[in-house]
PDB file of N, CA and C in Angstrom:
ATOM      1  N   MET A   1      82.370 106.329  34.150  1.00  0.00           N
ATOM      2  CA  MET A   1      82.828 105.515  35.256  1.00  0.00           C
ATOM      3  C   MET A   1      82.238 106.076  36.550  1.00  0.00           C
ATOM      4  N   ARG A   2      81.541 105.252  37.278  1.00  0.00           N
ATOM      5  CA  ARG A   2      80.948 105.656  38.552  1.00  0.00           C
ATOM      6  C   ARG A   2      81.983 105.489  39.667  1.00  0.00           C
ATOM      7  N   ILE A   3      82.214 106.575  40.419  1.00  0.00           N
ATOM      8  CA  ILE A   3      83.227 106.589  41.472  1.00  0.00           C
ATOM      9  C   ILE A   3      82.559 106.917  42.803  1.00  0.00           C
ATOM     10  N   LEU A   4      82.971 106.219  43.847  1.00  0.00           N
ATOM     11  CA  LEU A   4      82.507 106.452  45.211  1.00  0.00           C
ATOM     12  C   LEU A   4      83.658 107.027  46.016  1.00  0.00           C
ATOM     13  N   ALA A   5      83.413 108.133  46.727  1.00  0.00           N
ATOM     14  CA  ALA A   5      84.420 108.718  47.606  1.00  0.00           C
ATOM     15  C   ALA A   5      83.976 108.553  49.047  1.00  0.00           C
ATOM     16  N   LEU A   6      84.966 108.320  49.920  1.00  0.00           N
ATOM     17  CA  LEU A   6      84.697 108.105  51.339  1.00  0.00           C
ATOM     18  C   LEU A   6      85.541 109.053  52.175  1.00  0.00           C
ATOM     19  N   ASP A   7      84.895 109.738  53.088  1.00  0.00           N
ATOM     20  CA  ASP A   7      85.573 110.561  54.080  1.00  0.00           C
ATOM     21  C   ASP A   7      85.505 109.772  55.380  1.00  0.00           C
ATOM     22  N   HIS A   8      86.513 108.920  55.603  1.00  0.00           N
ATOM     23  CA  HIS A   8      86.491 107.990  56.724  1.00  0.00           C
ATOM     24  C   HIS A   8      86.802 108.685  58.039  1.00  0.00           C
ATOM     25  N   GLY A   9      86.000 108.374  59.036  1.00  0.00           N
ATOM     26  CA  GLY A   9      86.249 108.818  60.395  1.00  0.00           C
ATOM     27  C   GLY A   9      86.041 107.642  61.329  1.00  0.00           C
ATOM     28  N   THR A  10      86.424 107.798  62.575  1.00  0.00           N
ATOM     29  CA  THR A  10      86.300 106.672  63.500  1.00  0.00           C
ATOM     30  C   THR A  10      84.850 106.410  63.892  1.00  0.00           C
ATOM     31  N   ALA A  11      83.991 107.437  63.852  1.00  0.00           N
ATOM     32  CA  ALA A  11      82.595 107.263  64.231  1.00  0.00           C
ATOM     33  C   ALA A  11      81.662 107.144  63.031  1.00  0.00           C
ATOM     34  N   ARG A  12      82.011 107.806  61.922  1.00  0.00           N
ATOM     35  CA  ARG A  12      81.147 107.825  60.731  1.00  0.00           C
ATOM     36  C   ARG A  12      81.990 107.951  59.478  1.00  0.00           C
ATOM     37  N   CYS A  13      81.362 107.645  58.383  1.00  0.00           N
ATOM     38  CA  CYS A  13      82.049 107.722  57.098  1.00  0.00           C
ATOM     39  C   CYS A  13      81.145 108.471  56.124  1.00  0.00           C
ATOM     40  N   GLY A  14      81.609 109.638  55.683  1.00  0.00           N
ATOM     41  CA  GLY A  14      80.872 110.386  54.678  1.00  0.00           C
ATOM     42  C   GLY A  14      81.042 109.742  53.319  1.00  0.00           C
ATOM     43  N   CYS A  15      79.996 109.819  52.494  1.00  0.00           N
ATOM     44  CA  CYS A  15      80.011 109.169  51.183  1.00  0.00           C
ATOM     45  C   CYS A  15      79.496 110.123  50.110  1.00  0.00           C
ATOM     46  N   ALA A  16      80.109 110.045  48.950  1.00  0.00           N
ATOM     47  CA  ALA A  16      79.632 110.788  47.782  1.00  0.00           C
ATOM     48  C   ALA A  16      79.902 109.930  46.556  1.00  0.00           C
ATOM     49  N   ILE A  17      79.090 110.145  45.531  1.00  0.00           N
ATOM     50  CA  ILE A  17      79.183 109.294  44.334  1.00  0.00           C
ATOM     51  C   ILE A  17      79.010 110.152  43.087  1.00  0.00           C
ATOM     52  N   THR A  18      79.617 109.700  42.000  1.00  0.00           N
ATOM     53  CA  THR A  18      79.412 110.372  40.722  1.00  0.00           C
ATOM     54  C   THR A  18      78.233 109.727  39.995  1.00  0.00           C
ATOM     55  N   ASP A  19      77.769 110.431  38.983  1.00  0.00           N
ATOM     56  CA  ASP A  19      76.793 109.837  38.080  1.00  0.00           C
ATOM     57  C   ASP A  19      77.541 108.820  37.211  1.00  0.00           C
ATOM     58  N   PRO A  20      76.833 108.044  36.396  1.00  0.00           N
ATOM     59  CA  PRO A  20      77.509 107.018  35.582  1.00  0.00           C
ATOM     60  C   PRO A  20      78.585 107.569  34.646  1.00  0.00           C
ATOM     61  N   SER A  21      78.455 108.843  34.235  1.00  0.00           N
ATOM     62  CA  SER A  21      79.467 109.412  33.342  1.00  0.00           C
ATOM     63  C   SER A  21      80.711 109.858  34.098  1.00  0.00           C
ATOM     64  N   GLY A  22      80.646 109.860  35.436  1.00  0.00           N
ATOM     65  CA  GLY A  22      81.797 110.253  36.239  1.00  0.00           C
ATOM     66  C   GLY A  22      82.042 111.742  36.277  1.00  0.00           C
ATOM     67  N   THR A  23      80.989 112.551  36.057  1.00  0.00           N
ATOM     68  CA  THR A  23      81.177 114.001  36.037  1.00  0.00           C
ATOM     69  C   THR A  23      80.431 114.736  37.147  1.00  0.00           C
ATOM     70  N   LEU A  24      79.215 114.325  37.451  1.00  0.00           N
ATOM     71  CA  LEU A  24      78.436 114.995  38.488  1.00  0.00           C
ATOM     72  C   LEU A  24      78.588 114.253  39.810  1.00  0.00           C
ATOM     73  N   VAL A  25      78.712 115.016  40.898  1.00  0.00           N
ATOM     74  CA  VAL A  25      78.937 114.439  42.225  1.00  0.00           C
ATOM     75  C   VAL A  25      77.744 114.756  43.115  1.00  0.00           C
ATOM     76  N   ARG A  26      77.302 113.754  43.883  1.00  0.00           N
ATOM     77  CA  ARG A  26      76.250 113.997  44.872  1.00  0.00           C
ATOM     78  C   ARG A  26      76.573 113.256  46.162  1.00  0.00           C
ATOM     79  N   PRO A  27      76.280 113.891  47.283  1.00  0.00           N
ATOM     80  CA  PRO A  27      76.500 113.228  48.570  1.00  0.00           C
ATOM     81  C   PRO A  27      75.502 112.096  48.771  1.00  0.00           C
ATOM     82  N   LEU A  28      75.917 111.079  49.506  1.00  0.00           N
ATOM     83  CA  LEU A  28      75.059 109.978  49.931  1.00  0.00           C
ATOM     84  C   LEU A  28      74.948 110.037  51.458  1.00  0.00           C
ATOM     85  N   PRO A  29      74.036 109.294  52.040  1.00  0.00           N
ATOM     86  CA  PRO A  29      73.974 109.242  53.515  1.00  0.00           C
ATOM     87  C   PRO A  29      75.282 108.692  54.097  1.00  0.00           C
ATOM     88  N   VAL A  30      75.598 109.113  55.312  1.00  0.00           N
ATOM     89  CA  VAL A  30      76.803 108.630  55.984  1.00  0.00           C
ATOM     90  C   VAL A  30      76.630 107.165  56.386  1.00  0.00           C
ATOM     91  N   ILE A  31      77.748 106.501  56.551  1.00  0.00           N
ATOM     92  CA  ILE A  31      77.770 105.142  57.087  1.00  0.00           C
ATOM     93  C   ILE A  31      78.162 105.281  58.558  1.00  0.00           C
ATOM     94  N   GLU A  32      77.277 104.827  59.414  1.00  0.00           N
ATOM     95  CA  GLU A  32      77.510 104.975  60.852  1.00  0.00           C
ATOM     96  C   GLU A  32      77.114 103.709  61.575  1.00  0.00           C
ATOM     97  N   PRO A  33      78.045 103.003  62.179  1.00  0.00           N
ATOM     98  CA  PRO A  33      79.494 103.217  62.219  1.00  0.00           C
ATOM     99  C   PRO A  33      80.132 102.842  60.878  1.00  0.00           C
ATOM    100  N   PRO A  34      81.346 103.319  60.643  1.00  0.00           N
ATOM    101  CA  PRO A  34      82.002 103.054  59.357  1.00  0.00           C
ATOM    102  C   PRO A  34      82.478 101.600  59.260  1.00  0.00           C
ATOM    103  N   GLU A  35      81.788 100.822  58.468  1.00  0.00           N
ATOM    104  CA  GLU A  35      82.130  99.404  58.315  1.00  0.00           C
ATOM    105  C   GLU A  35      82.410  99.090  56.849  1.00  0.00           C
ATOM    106  N   PRO A  36      83.490  98.404  56.567  1.00  0.00           N
ATOM    107  CA  PRO A  36      83.817  98.056  55.183  1.00  0.00           C
ATOM    108  C   PRO A  36      82.687  97.297  54.478  1.00  0.00           C
ATOM    109  N   GLU A  37      81.965  96.464  55.210  1.00  0.00           N
ATOM    110  CA  GLU A  37      80.862  95.710  54.598  1.00  0.00           C
ATOM    111  C   GLU A  37      79.778  96.649  54.058  1.00  0.00           C
ATOM    112  N   SER A  38      79.532  97.755  54.741  1.00  0.00           N
ATOM    113  CA  SER A  38      78.542  98.733  54.269  1.00  0.00           C
ATOM    114  C   SER A  38      79.013  99.403  52.984  1.00  0.00           C
ATOM    115  N   VAL A  39      80.300  99.656  52.897  1.00  0.00           N
ATOM    116  CA  VAL A  39      80.861 100.218  51.664  1.00  0.00           C
ATOM    117  C   VAL A  39      80.686  99.222  50.526  1.00  0.00           C
ATOM    118  N   ALA A  40      80.957  97.956  50.790  1.00  0.00           N
ATOM    119  CA  ALA A  40      80.802  96.922  49.765  1.00  0.00           C
ATOM    120  C   ALA A  40      79.370  96.860  49.251  1.00  0.00           C
ATOM    121  N   GLU A  41      78.404  97.048  50.141  1.00  0.00           N
ATOM    122  CA  GLU A  41      76.993  97.066  49.726  1.00  0.00           C
ATOM    123  C   GLU A  41      76.706  98.245  48.802  1.00  0.00           C
ATOM    124  N   ILE A  42      77.245  99.419  49.120  1.00  0.00           N
ATOM    125  CA  ILE A  42      77.050 100.601  48.267  1.00  0.00           C
ATOM    126  C   ILE A  42      77.696 100.377  46.906  1.00  0.00           C
ATOM    127  N   VAL A  43      78.887  99.803  46.903  1.00  0.00           N
ATOM    128  CA  VAL A  43      79.591  99.524  45.647  1.00  0.00           C
ATOM    129  C   VAL A  43      78.733  98.622  44.757  1.00  0.00           C
ATOM    130  N   ALA A  44      78.167  97.571  45.329  1.00  0.00           N
ATOM    131  CA  ALA A  44      77.337  96.647  44.555  1.00  0.00           C
ATOM    132  C   ALA A  44      76.036  97.311  44.103  1.00  0.00           C
ATOM    133  N   GLU A  45      75.389  98.014  45.012  1.00  0.00           N
ATOM    134  CA  GLU A  45      74.089  98.640  44.714  1.00  0.00           C
ATOM    135  C   GLU A  45      74.190  99.672  43.595  1.00  0.00           C
ATOM    136  N   HIS A  46      75.265 100.452  43.591  1.00  0.00           N
ATOM    137  CA  HIS A  46      75.402 101.542  42.621  1.00  0.00           C
ATOM    138  C   HIS A  46      76.334 101.212  41.458  1.00  0.00           C
ATOM    139  N   GLU A  47      76.798  99.965  41.398  1.00  0.00           N
ATOM    140  CA  GLU A  47      77.699  99.524  40.332  1.00  0.00           C
ATOM    141  C   GLU A  47      78.919 100.443  40.218  1.00  0.00           C
ATOM    142  N   VAL A  48      79.547 100.690  41.354  1.00  0.00           N
ATOM    143  CA  VAL A  48      80.722 101.551  41.438  1.00  0.00           C
ATOM    144  C   VAL A  48      81.914 100.852  40.793  1.00  0.00           C
ATOM    145  N   GLU A  49      82.730 101.626  40.066  1.00  0.00           N
ATOM    146  CA  GLU A  49      83.889 101.073  39.382  1.00  0.00           C
ATOM    147  C   GLU A  49      85.225 101.467  40.019  1.00  0.00           C
ATOM    148  N   LEU A  50      85.175 102.421  40.963  1.00  0.00           N
ATOM    149  CA  LEU A  50      86.379 102.874  41.654  1.00  0.00           C
ATOM    150  C   LEU A  50      85.965 103.483  42.989  1.00  0.00           C
ATOM    151  N   VAL A  51      86.721 103.183  44.050  1.00  0.00           N
ATOM    152  CA  VAL A  51      86.487 103.768  45.366  1.00  0.00           C
ATOM    153  C   VAL A  51      87.702 104.616  45.724  1.00  0.00           C
ATOM    154  N   VAL A  52      87.439 105.846  46.182  1.00  0.00           N
ATOM    155  CA  VAL A  52      88.500 106.756  46.603  1.00  0.00           C
ATOM    156  C   VAL A  52      88.295 107.059  48.081  1.00  0.00           C
ATOM    157  N   VAL A  53      89.294 106.740  48.885  1.00  0.00           N
ATOM    158  CA  VAL A  53      89.232 106.978  50.328  1.00  0.00           C
ATOM    159  C   VAL A  53      90.088 108.190  50.649  1.00  0.00           C
ATOM    160  N   GLY A  54      89.506 109.161  51.345  1.00  0.00           N
ATOM    161  CA  GLY A  54      90.242 110.352  51.731  1.00  0.00           C
ATOM    162  C   GLY A  54      91.386 110.028  52.664  1.00  0.00           C
ATOM    163  N   LEU A  55      92.539 110.607  52.386  1.00  0.00           N
ATOM    164  CA  LEU A  55      93.729 110.390  53.190  1.00  0.00           C
ATOM    165  C   LEU A  55      94.053 111.680  53.939  1.00  0.00           C
ATOM    166  N   PRO A  56      93.882 111.671  55.274  1.00  0.00           N
ATOM    167  CA  PRO A  56      94.165 112.884  56.046  1.00  0.00           C
ATOM    168  C   PRO A  56      95.670 113.152  56.122  1.00  0.00           C
ATOM    169  N   VAL A  57      96.084 114.204  55.452  1.00  0.00           N
ATOM    170  CA  VAL A  57      97.483 114.585  55.389  1.00  0.00           C
ATOM    171  C   VAL A  57      97.611 115.978  56.008  1.00  0.00           C
ATOM    172  N   ALA A  58      98.655 116.193  56.792  1.00  0.00           N
ATOM    173  CA  ALA A  58      98.898 117.500  57.397  1.00  0.00           C
ATOM    174  C   ALA A  58      99.259 118.516  56.308  1.00  0.00           C
ATOM    175  N   LEU A  59      99.141 119.792  56.626  1.00  0.00           N
ATOM    176  CA  LEU A  59      99.497 120.833  55.660  1.00  0.00           C
ATOM    177  C   LEU A  59     100.934 120.683  55.179  1.00  0.00           C
ATOM    178  N   SER A  60     101.783 120.139  56.018  1.00  0.00           N
ATOM    179  CA  SER A  60     103.181 119.912  55.654  1.00  0.00           C
ATOM    180  C   SER A  60     103.345 118.771  54.660  1.00  0.00           C
ATOM    181  N   GLY A  61     102.287 117.980  54.486  1.00  0.00           N
ATOM    182  CA  GLY A  61     102.348 116.822  53.600  1.00  0.00           C
ATOM    183  C   GLY A  61     102.658 115.530  54.327  1.00  0.00           C
ATOM    184  N   LYS A  62     102.888 115.616  55.628  1.00  0.00           N
ATOM    185  CA  LYS A  62     103.196 114.414  56.406  1.00  0.00           C
ATOM    186  C   LYS A  62     101.923 113.681  56.796  1.00  0.00           C
ATOM    187  N   GLU A  63     102.055 112.369  56.878  1.00  0.00           N
ATOM    188  CA  GLU A  63     100.943 111.524  57.302  1.00  0.00           C
ATOM    189  C   GLU A  63     101.094 111.180  58.772  1.00  0.00           C
ATOM    190  N   GLY A  64      99.972 111.192  59.495  1.00  0.00           N
ATOM    191  CA  GLY A  64      99.986 110.837  60.905  1.00  0.00           C
ATOM    192  C   GLY A  64      99.160 109.597  61.165  1.00  0.00           C
ATOM    193  N   GLY A  65      98.724 109.454  62.386  1.00  0.00           N
ATOM    194  CA  GLY A  65      97.957 108.292  62.808  1.00  0.00           C
ATOM    195  C   GLY A  65      96.635 108.136  62.082  1.00  0.00           C
ATOM    196  N   GLN A  66      95.954 109.256  61.812  1.00  0.00           N
ATOM    197  CA  GLN A  66      94.665 109.180  61.111  1.00  0.00           C
ATOM    198  C   GLN A  66      94.849 108.663  59.686  1.00  0.00           C
ATOM    199  N   ALA A  67      95.957 109.028  59.050  1.00  0.00           N
ATOM    200  CA  ALA A  67      96.228 108.533  57.697  1.00  0.00           C
ATOM    201  C   ALA A  67      96.425 107.022  57.710  1.00  0.00           C
ATOM    202  N   GLU A  68      97.098 106.545  58.732  1.00  0.00           N
ATOM    203  CA  GLU A  68      97.298 105.097  58.866  1.00  0.00           C
ATOM    204  C   GLU A  68      95.958 104.379  59.025  1.00  0.00           C
ATOM    205  N   ILE A  69      95.067 104.960  59.821  1.00  0.00           N
ATOM    206  CA  ILE A  69      93.731 104.375  60.012  1.00  0.00           C
ATOM    207  C   ILE A  69      92.967 104.374  58.699  1.00  0.00           C
ATOM    208  N   ALA A  70      93.053 105.464  57.940  1.00  0.00           N
ATOM    209  CA  ALA A  70      92.357 105.548  56.652  1.00  0.00           C
ATOM    210  C   ALA A  70      92.914 104.519  55.667  1.00  0.00           C
ATOM    211  N   ARG A  71      94.226 104.363  55.648  1.00  0.00           N
ATOM    212  CA  ARG A  71      94.834 103.356  54.753  1.00  0.00           C
ATOM    213  C   ARG A  71      94.380 101.944  55.130  1.00  0.00           C
ATOM    214  N   ARG A  72      94.317 101.676  56.418  1.00  0.00           N
ATOM    215  CA  ARG A  72      93.862 100.356  56.878  1.00  0.00           C
ATOM    216  C   ARG A  72      92.403 100.132  56.440  1.00  0.00           C
ATOM    217  N   PHE A  73      91.558 101.150  56.592  1.00  0.00           N
ATOM    218  CA  PHE A  73      90.163 101.041  56.170  1.00  0.00           C
ATOM    219  C   PHE A  73      90.092 100.781  54.657  1.00  0.00           C
ATOM    220  N   ALA A  74      90.895 101.512  53.886  1.00  0.00           N
ATOM    221  CA  ALA A  74      90.919 101.307  52.429  1.00  0.00           C
ATOM    222  C   ALA A  74      91.308  99.868  52.089  1.00  0.00           C
ATOM    223  N   ASP A  75      92.288  99.330  52.811  1.00  0.00           N
ATOM    224  CA  ASP A  75      92.703  97.937  52.583  1.00  0.00           C
ATOM    225  C   ASP A  75      91.580  96.956  52.928  1.00  0.00           C
ATOM    226  N   GLU A  76      90.850  97.231  54.015  1.00  0.00           N
ATOM    227  CA  GLU A  76      89.738  96.354  54.406  1.00  0.00           C
ATOM    228  C   GLU A  76      88.629  96.389  53.356  1.00  0.00           C
ATOM    229  N   VAL A  77      88.350  97.567  52.817  1.00  0.00           N
ATOM    230  CA  VAL A  77      87.344  97.686  51.758  1.00  0.00           C
ATOM    231  C   VAL A  77      87.820  96.933  50.517  1.00  0.00           C
ATOM    232  N   ALA A  78      89.078  97.136  50.148  1.00  0.00           N
ATOM    233  CA  ALA A  78      89.625  96.491  48.947  1.00  0.00           C
ATOM    234  C   ALA A  78      89.544  94.972  49.024  1.00  0.00           C
ATOM    235  N   ALA A  79      89.665  94.433  50.232  1.00  0.00           N
ATOM    236  CA  ALA A  79      89.603  92.985  50.399  1.00  0.00           C
ATOM    237  C   ALA A  79      88.193  92.439  50.159  1.00  0.00           C
ATOM    238  N   LEU A  80      87.189  93.312  50.223  1.00  0.00           N
ATOM    239  CA  LEU A  80      85.795  92.866  50.086  1.00  0.00           C
ATOM    240  C   LEU A  80      85.194  93.094  48.705  1.00  0.00           C
ATOM    241  N   ILE A  81      85.828  93.924  47.896  1.00  0.00           N
ATOM    242  CA  ILE A  81      85.240  94.281  46.606  1.00  0.00           C
ATOM    243  C   ILE A  81      86.196  93.950  45.470  1.00  0.00           C
ATOM    244  N   GLU A  82      85.666  93.972  44.264  1.00  0.00           N
ATOM    245  CA  GLU A  82      86.473  93.622  43.101  1.00  0.00           C
ATOM    246  C   GLU A  82      86.771  94.816  42.215  1.00  0.00           C
ATOM    247  N   VAL A  83      86.687  96.024  42.777  1.00  0.00           N
ATOM    248  CA  VAL A  83      87.036  97.226  42.029  1.00  0.00           C
ATOM    249  C   VAL A  83      88.220  97.890  42.730  1.00  0.00           C
ATOM    250  N   PRO A  84      88.973  98.703  42.005  1.00  0.00           N
ATOM    251  CA  PRO A  84      90.138  99.351  42.615  1.00  0.00           C
ATOM    252  C   PRO A  84      89.746 100.296  43.755  1.00  0.00           C
ATOM    253  N   VAL A  85      90.632 100.386  44.739  1.00  0.00           N
ATOM    254  CA  VAL A  85      90.473 101.313  45.852  1.00  0.00           C
ATOM    255  C   VAL A  85      91.746 102.153  45.915  1.00  0.00           C
ATOM    256  N   GLU A  86      91.577 103.472  45.874  1.00  0.00           N
ATOM    257  CA  GLU A  86      92.705 104.388  45.940  1.00  0.00           C
ATOM    258  C   GLU A  86      92.540 105.295  47.147  1.00  0.00           C
ATOM    259  N   THR A  87      93.638 105.896  47.591  1.00  0.00           N
ATOM    260  CA  THR A  87      93.558 106.954  48.592  1.00  0.00           C
ATOM    261  C   THR A  87      93.873 108.273  47.885  1.00  0.00           C
ATOM    262  N   TYR A  88      93.355 109.361  48.463  1.00  0.00           N
ATOM    263  CA  TYR A  88      93.557 110.677  47.852  1.00  0.00           C
ATOM    264  C   TYR A  88      93.596 111.727  48.955  1.00  0.00           C
ATOM    265  N   ASP A  89      94.504 112.642  48.845  1.00  0.00           N
ATOM    266  CA  ASP A  89      94.697 113.726  49.810  1.00  0.00           C
ATOM    267  C   ASP A  89      93.384 114.477  50.054  1.00  0.00           C
ATOM    268  N   GLU A  90      92.970 114.515  51.319  1.00  0.00           N
ATOM    269  CA  GLU A  90      91.697 115.171  51.627  1.00  0.00           C
ATOM    270  C   GLU A  90      91.859 116.515  52.330  1.00  0.00           C
ATOM    271  N   ARG A  91      93.041 117.112  52.232  1.00  0.00           N
ATOM    272  CA  ARG A  91      93.253 118.422  52.867  1.00  0.00           C
ATOM    273  C   ARG A  91      92.186 119.412  52.432  1.00  0.00           C
ATOM    274  N   PHE A  92      91.684 120.166  53.381  1.00  0.00           N
ATOM    275  CA  PHE A  92      90.719 121.249  53.198  1.00  0.00           C
ATOM    276  C   PHE A  92      89.286 120.799  52.934  1.00  0.00           C
ATOM    277  N   THR A  93      89.028 119.505  52.789  1.00  0.00           N
ATOM    278  CA  THR A  93      87.659 119.088  52.482  1.00  0.00           C
ATOM    279  C   THR A  93      86.699 119.372  53.631  1.00  0.00           C
ATOM    280  N   THR A  94      87.147 119.261  54.877  1.00  0.00           N
ATOM    281  CA  THR A  94      86.268 119.550  56.013  1.00  0.00           C
ATOM    282  C   THR A  94      85.908 121.026  56.033  1.00  0.00           C
ATOM    283  N   ALA A  95      86.880 121.890  55.796  1.00  0.00           N
ATOM    284  CA  ALA A  95      86.608 123.332  55.760  1.00  0.00           C
ATOM    285  C   ALA A  95      85.652 123.666  54.624  1.00  0.00           C
ATOM    286  N   LEU A  96      85.847 123.053  53.466  1.00  0.00           N
ATOM    287  CA  LEU A  96      84.938 123.275  52.340  1.00  0.00           C
ATOM    288  C   LEU A  96      83.533 122.777  52.665  1.00  0.00           C
ATOM    289  N   ALA A  97      83.438 121.644  53.344  1.00  0.00           N
ATOM    290  CA  ALA A  97      82.137 121.089  53.717  1.00  0.00           C
ATOM    291  C   ALA A  97      81.428 122.014  54.696  1.00  0.00           C
ATOM    292  N   GLN A  98      82.158 122.555  55.656  1.00  0.00           N
ATOM    293  CA  GLN A  98      81.558 123.482  56.619  1.00  0.00           C
ATOM    294  C   GLN A  98      81.052 124.728  55.911  1.00  0.00           C
ATOM    295  N   SER A  99      81.810 125.209  54.949  1.00  0.00           N
ATOM    296  CA  SER A  99      81.393 126.375  54.165  1.00  0.00           C
ATOM    297  C   SER A  99      80.136 126.058  53.359  1.00  0.00           C
ATOM    298  N   SER A 100      80.094 124.874  52.760  1.00  0.00           N
ATOM    299  CA  SER A 100      78.909 124.461  51.989  1.00  0.00           C
ATOM    300  C   SER A 100      77.685 124.355  52.887  1.00  0.00           C
ATOM    301  N   ALA A 101      77.882 123.824  54.080  1.00  0.00           N
ATOM    302  CA  ALA A 101      76.767 123.690  55.023  1.00  0.00           C
ATOM    303  C   ALA A 101      76.255 125.071  55.432  1.00  0.00           C
ATOM    304  N   ARG A 102      77.174 125.992  55.688  1.00  0.00           N
ATOM    305  CA  ARG A 102      76.757 127.357  56.040  1.00  0.00           C
ATOM    306  C   ARG A 102      76.020 128.023  54.891  1.00  0.00           C
ATOM    307  N   ALA A 103      76.374 127.650  53.663  1.00  0.00           N
ATOM    308  CA  ALA A 103      75.740 128.228  52.478  1.00  0.00           C
ATOM    309  C   ALA A 103      74.395 127.576  52.165  1.00  0.00           C
ATOM    310  N   GLY A 104      74.008 126.572  52.958  1.00  0.00           N
ATOM    311  CA  GLY A 104      72.691 125.982  52.782  1.00  0.00           C
ATOM    312  C   GLY A 104      72.645 124.574  52.231  1.00  0.00           C
ATOM    313  N   ALA A 105      73.794 123.958  52.000  1.00  0.00           N
ATOM    314  CA  ALA A 105      73.781 122.572  51.520  1.00  0.00           C
ATOM    315  C   ALA A 105      73.103 121.695  52.562  1.00  0.00           C
ATOM    316  N   ARG A 106      72.283 120.770  52.119  1.00  0.00           N
ATOM    317  CA  ARG A 106      71.451 119.991  53.040  1.00  0.00           C
ATOM    318  C   ARG A 106      72.009 118.633  53.423  1.00  0.00           C
ATOM    319  N   ALA A 107      73.084 118.222  52.831  1.00  0.00           N
ATOM    320  CA  ALA A 107      73.656 116.904  53.134  1.00  0.00           C
ATOM    321  C   ALA A 107      74.441 116.957  54.443  1.00  0.00           C
ATOM    322  N   ASP A 108      74.690 115.796  55.003  1.00  0.00           N
ATOM    323  CA  ASP A 108      75.514 115.677  56.191  1.00  0.00           C
ATOM    324  C   ASP A 108      76.911 116.224  55.891  1.00  0.00           C
ATOM    325  N   GLU A 109      77.512 116.884  56.876  1.00  0.00           N
ATOM    326  CA  GLU A 109      78.816 117.510  56.676  1.00  0.00           C
ATOM    327  C   GLU A 109      79.884 116.512  56.240  1.00  0.00           C
ATOM    328  N   ASP A 110      79.864 115.295  56.783  1.00  0.00           N
ATOM    329  CA  ASP A 110      80.851 114.287  56.389  1.00  0.00           C
ATOM    330  C   ASP A 110      80.684 113.889  54.923  1.00  0.00           C
ATOM    331  N   SER A 111      79.448 113.811  54.471  1.00  0.00           N
ATOM    332  CA  SER A 111      79.219 113.475  53.065  1.00  0.00           C
ATOM    333  C   SER A 111      79.527 114.655  52.153  1.00  0.00           C
ATOM    334  N   LEU A 112      79.338 115.881  52.649  1.00  0.00           N
ATOM    335  CA  LEU A 112      79.768 117.048  51.877  1.00  0.00           C
ATOM    336  C   LEU A 112      81.284 117.041  51.714  1.00  0.00           C
ATOM    337  N   ALA A 113      81.997 116.658  52.778  1.00  0.00           N
ATOM    338  CA  ALA A 113      83.458 116.546  52.693  1.00  0.00           C
ATOM    339  C   ALA A 113      83.843 115.495  51.645  1.00  0.00           C
ATOM    340  N   ALA A 114      83.126 114.375  51.622  1.00  0.00           N
ATOM    341  CA  ALA A 114      83.394 113.336  50.621  1.00  0.00           C
ATOM    342  C   ALA A 114      83.119 113.864  49.213  1.00  0.00           C
ATOM    343  N   ALA A 115      82.077 114.681  49.067  1.00  0.00           N
ATOM    344  CA  ALA A 115      81.759 115.269  47.753  1.00  0.00           C
ATOM    345  C   ALA A 115      82.873 116.208  47.297  1.00  0.00           C
ATOM    346  N   HIS A 116      83.385 117.036  48.212  1.00  0.00           N
ATOM    347  CA  HIS A 116      84.495 117.921  47.851  1.00  0.00           C
ATOM    348  C   HIS A 116      85.747 117.119  47.514  1.00  0.00           C
ATOM    349  N   LEU A 117      85.993 116.054  48.248  1.00  0.00           N
ATOM    350  CA  LEU A 117      87.116 115.160  47.961  1.00  0.00           C
ATOM    351  C   LEU A 117      86.988 114.605  46.547  1.00  0.00           C
ATOM    352  N   LEU A 118      85.797 114.141  46.209  1.00  0.00           N
ATOM    353  CA  LEU A 118      85.565 113.540  44.896  1.00  0.00           C
ATOM    354  C   LEU A 118      85.701 114.575  43.780  1.00  0.00           C
ATOM    355  N   GLU A 119      85.194 115.784  44.003  1.00  0.00           N
ATOM    356  CA  GLU A 119      85.347 116.835  42.995  1.00  0.00           C
ATOM    357  C   GLU A 119      86.817 117.163  42.762  1.00  0.00           C
ATOM    358  N   SER A 120      87.598 117.228  43.843  1.00  0.00           N
ATOM    359  CA  SER A 120      89.030 117.489  43.712  1.00  0.00           C
ATOM    360  C   SER A 120      89.715 116.351  42.966  1.00  0.00           C
ATOM    361  N   TYR A 121      89.351 115.116  43.309  1.00  0.00           N
ATOM    362  CA  TYR A 121      89.914 113.952  42.630  1.00  0.00           C
ATOM    363  C   TYR A 121      89.615 114.015  41.128  1.00  0.00           C
ATOM    364  N   LEU A 122      88.374 114.330  40.777  1.00  0.00           N
ATOM    365  CA  LEU A 122      87.988 114.402  39.367  1.00  0.00           C
ATOM    366  C   LEU A 122      88.735 115.513  38.645  1.00  0.00           C
ATOM    367  N   ASP A 123      88.903 116.673  39.307  1.00  0.00           N
ATOM    368  CA  ASP A 123      89.642 117.781  38.698  1.00  0.00           C
ATOM    369  C   ASP A 123      91.091 117.383  38.424  1.00  0.00           C
ATOM    370  N   THR A 124      91.710 116.731  39.396  1.00  0.00           N
ATOM    371  CA  THR A 124      93.109 116.299  39.236  1.00  0.00           C
ATOM    372  C   THR A 124      93.221 115.267  38.127  1.00  0.00           C
ATOM    373  N   ARG A 125      92.279 114.377  38.082  1.00  0.00           N
ATOM    374  CA  ARG A 125      92.285 113.327  37.067  1.00  0.00           C
ATOM    375  C   ARG A 125      92.116 113.914  35.664  1.00  0.00           C
ATOM    376  N   ALA A 126      91.287 114.951  35.551  1.00  0.00           N
ATOM    377  CA  ALA A 126      91.036 115.580  34.245  1.00  0.00           C
ATOM    378  C   ALA A 126      92.279 116.294  33.718  1.00  0.00           C
ATOM    379  N   THR A 127      93.123 116.781  34.623  1.00  0.00           N
ATOM    380  CA  THR A 127      94.312 117.520  34.179  1.00  0.00           C
ATOM    381  C   THR A 127      95.491 116.610  33.848  1.00  0.00           C
ATOM    382  N   ARG A 128      95.372 115.325  34.141  1.00  0.00           N
ATOM    383  CA  ARG A 128      96.474 114.382  33.823  1.00  0.00           C
ATOM    384  C   ARG A 128      96.519 114.060  32.360  1.00  0.00           C
TER     385      ARG A 128
END
């Protein structure tokens, strides 16, 4: 199953995708500005079967204004495509992306964050 992960921001949207088997993750170019129609194009182009949108949650587990914006974006994407759209806790993905960038990863930091989000999602899914 090919899965697309999105690290939504107000200015840009980081993207990462799995291989067709749903095991290997690679960053894609960012979407700038973040538009649901651009996500729909990626879904069609790569035959994506599931979209996961990062949900910014505080360390306490509470959702704030950014989470509401991410949920709204997920709903807008879902209205344009015929595959499921889920949200997933994106805590620590930015810090992990910054660490990856410092270690030499060549992808955009927002897409690295999306890749870490997707890896976490896959790990959680495997343990269910």
